N, C-alpha and C. Protein backbone atom coordinates (compact mmCIF):
# COMPACT_ATOMS: atom_id res chain seq x y z
N MET A 1 95.86 80.11 98.65
CA MET A 1 94.50 79.78 98.30
C MET A 1 93.74 81.03 97.86
N ASP A 2 93.96 82.14 98.55
CA ASP A 2 93.25 83.36 98.19
C ASP A 2 93.63 83.85 96.80
N ILE A 3 94.91 83.66 96.43
CA ILE A 3 95.34 84.11 95.10
C ILE A 3 94.68 83.28 94.01
N THR A 4 94.68 81.97 94.16
CA THR A 4 94.12 81.13 93.11
C THR A 4 92.60 81.22 93.03
N HIS A 5 91.96 81.64 94.14
CA HIS A 5 90.51 81.79 94.13
C HIS A 5 90.08 83.25 93.96
N ASN A 6 91.06 84.13 93.70
CA ASN A 6 90.79 85.54 93.44
C ASN A 6 89.98 86.18 94.58
N ASN A 7 90.32 85.84 95.83
CA ASN A 7 89.66 86.40 97.01
C ASN A 7 90.33 87.72 97.37
N ARG A 8 89.87 88.80 96.77
CA ARG A 8 90.56 90.08 96.86
C ARG A 8 90.52 90.72 98.24
N ASN A 9 89.43 90.64 98.96
CA ASN A 9 89.38 91.28 100.28
C ASN A 9 90.38 90.65 101.25
N PRO A 10 90.45 89.31 101.35
CA PRO A 10 91.48 88.73 102.22
C PRO A 10 92.90 89.07 101.76
N LEU A 11 93.12 89.14 100.45
CA LEU A 11 94.44 89.50 99.94
C LEU A 11 94.80 90.92 100.35
N ARG A 12 93.85 91.84 100.20
CA ARG A 12 94.07 93.23 100.58
C ARG A 12 94.43 93.31 102.07
N HIS A 13 93.71 92.58 102.89
CA HIS A 13 93.95 92.59 104.33
C HIS A 13 95.34 92.04 104.66
N GLN A 14 95.74 90.97 103.99
CA GLN A 14 97.05 90.38 104.24
C GLN A 14 98.17 91.35 103.88
N ILE A 15 98.01 92.05 102.77
CA ILE A 15 99.02 93.03 102.36
C ILE A 15 99.06 94.17 103.36
N TYR A 16 97.90 94.69 103.73
CA TYR A 16 97.83 95.80 104.69
C TYR A 16 98.50 95.40 106.01
N ARG A 17 98.16 94.22 106.51
CA ARG A 17 98.71 93.75 107.78
C ARG A 17 100.24 93.61 107.69
N SER A 18 100.72 93.05 106.59
CA SER A 18 102.17 92.87 106.43
C SER A 18 102.90 94.21 106.41
N ILE A 19 102.35 95.18 105.71
CA ILE A 19 103.00 96.49 105.61
C ILE A 19 102.94 97.22 106.94
N THR A 20 101.80 97.19 107.62
CA THR A 20 101.69 97.91 108.89
C THR A 20 102.54 97.26 109.98
N GLU A 21 102.59 95.94 110.01
CA GLU A 21 103.40 95.26 111.03
C GLU A 21 104.90 95.47 110.83
N SER A 22 105.31 95.57 109.59
CA SER A 22 106.74 95.75 109.31
C SER A 22 107.13 97.21 109.19
N GLY A 23 106.14 98.09 109.18
CA GLY A 23 106.43 99.49 108.94
C GLY A 23 106.78 99.75 107.48
N GLY A 24 106.58 98.74 106.65
CA GLY A 24 106.88 98.87 105.23
C GLY A 24 108.36 98.82 104.91
N LYS A 25 109.17 98.51 105.89
CA LYS A 25 110.62 98.50 105.68
C LYS A 25 111.12 97.08 105.43
N HIS A 26 111.97 96.96 104.42
CA HIS A 26 112.61 95.68 104.08
C HIS A 26 111.58 94.59 103.81
N LEU A 27 110.50 94.94 103.17
CA LEU A 27 109.42 94.00 102.90
C LEU A 27 109.45 93.59 101.44
N ILE A 28 109.49 92.30 101.22
CA ILE A 28 109.39 91.75 99.86
C ILE A 28 108.08 91.00 99.82
N LEU A 29 107.19 91.42 98.95
CA LEU A 29 105.87 90.83 98.85
C LEU A 29 105.90 89.63 97.91
N THR A 30 105.73 88.44 98.48
CA THR A 30 105.69 87.21 97.70
C THR A 30 104.70 86.25 98.35
N PRO A 31 104.24 85.28 97.60
CA PRO A 31 103.43 84.25 98.27
C PRO A 31 104.33 83.39 99.14
N GLY A 32 103.75 82.69 100.10
CA GLY A 32 104.51 81.84 101.01
C GLY A 32 105.29 80.77 100.29
N CYS A 33 104.81 80.30 99.20
CA CYS A 33 105.52 79.33 98.37
C CYS A 33 105.15 79.67 96.93
N GLY A 34 104.98 78.72 96.09
CA GLY A 34 104.62 78.99 94.70
C GLY A 34 103.13 79.31 94.56
N ILE A 35 102.80 80.00 93.51
CA ILE A 35 101.39 80.26 93.20
C ILE A 35 100.92 79.13 92.30
N ARG A 36 99.94 78.41 92.76
CA ARG A 36 99.43 77.28 91.97
C ARG A 36 98.49 77.76 90.88
N HIS A 37 98.49 77.03 89.81
CA HIS A 37 97.55 77.32 88.72
C HIS A 37 96.21 76.72 89.07
N PRO A 38 95.12 77.24 88.69
CA PRO A 38 95.01 78.43 87.84
C PRO A 38 95.01 79.70 88.70
N PHE A 39 95.56 80.74 88.15
CA PHE A 39 95.44 82.07 88.74
C PHE A 39 95.29 83.05 87.60
N GLU A 40 94.70 84.18 87.93
CA GLU A 40 94.47 85.20 86.91
C GLU A 40 95.56 86.26 87.02
N GLU A 41 96.13 86.63 85.89
CA GLU A 41 97.16 87.67 85.89
C GLU A 41 96.60 88.96 86.45
N ASP A 42 95.31 89.18 86.27
CA ASP A 42 94.65 90.37 86.80
C ASP A 42 94.77 90.42 88.33
N THR A 43 94.74 89.27 88.97
CA THR A 43 94.88 89.21 90.43
C THR A 43 96.27 89.66 90.85
N ILE A 44 97.29 89.26 90.12
CA ILE A 44 98.66 89.66 90.42
C ILE A 44 98.81 91.17 90.25
N ARG A 45 98.25 91.72 89.19
CA ARG A 45 98.29 93.17 88.99
C ARG A 45 97.54 93.89 90.12
N TYR A 46 96.44 93.31 90.57
CA TYR A 46 95.68 93.87 91.69
C TYR A 46 96.54 93.92 92.95
N LEU A 47 97.28 92.85 93.22
CA LEU A 47 98.15 92.81 94.39
C LEU A 47 99.20 93.91 94.33
N GLN A 48 99.78 94.12 93.16
CA GLN A 48 100.78 95.16 93.00
C GLN A 48 100.16 96.54 93.28
N LYS A 49 98.95 96.76 92.77
CA LYS A 49 98.25 98.03 92.97
C LYS A 49 97.95 98.26 94.45
N VAL A 50 97.46 97.23 95.13
CA VAL A 50 97.13 97.34 96.56
C VAL A 50 98.39 97.65 97.36
N LYS A 51 99.49 97.00 97.04
CA LYS A 51 100.75 97.23 97.76
C LYS A 51 101.16 98.69 97.62
N ILE A 52 101.12 99.23 96.43
CA ILE A 52 101.51 100.61 96.20
C ILE A 52 100.57 101.57 96.93
N GLU A 53 99.27 101.31 96.86
CA GLU A 53 98.30 102.16 97.54
C GLU A 53 98.48 102.12 99.06
N THR A 54 98.73 100.95 99.59
CA THR A 54 98.89 100.80 101.04
C THR A 54 100.16 101.48 101.52
N GLU A 55 101.23 101.37 100.77
CA GLU A 55 102.49 102.02 101.15
C GLU A 55 102.33 103.54 101.14
N ALA A 56 101.47 104.06 100.28
CA ALA A 56 101.26 105.50 100.19
C ALA A 56 100.55 106.06 101.42
N LEU A 57 99.82 105.19 102.14
CA LEU A 57 99.11 105.64 103.34
C LEU A 57 100.12 105.94 104.40
């Protein structure tokens, strides 16, 4: 729901929590199931950017 509604703060938090809980090891970042339309490609690029930034911490 957050992806299709472009809710960036909850998305950032979910990524941060996933990386910190797993230690960033063996983590594949995907939605729980399919991403429903409509979604903005910009949101997907944002998720990739947040993942890279969070891993760098």
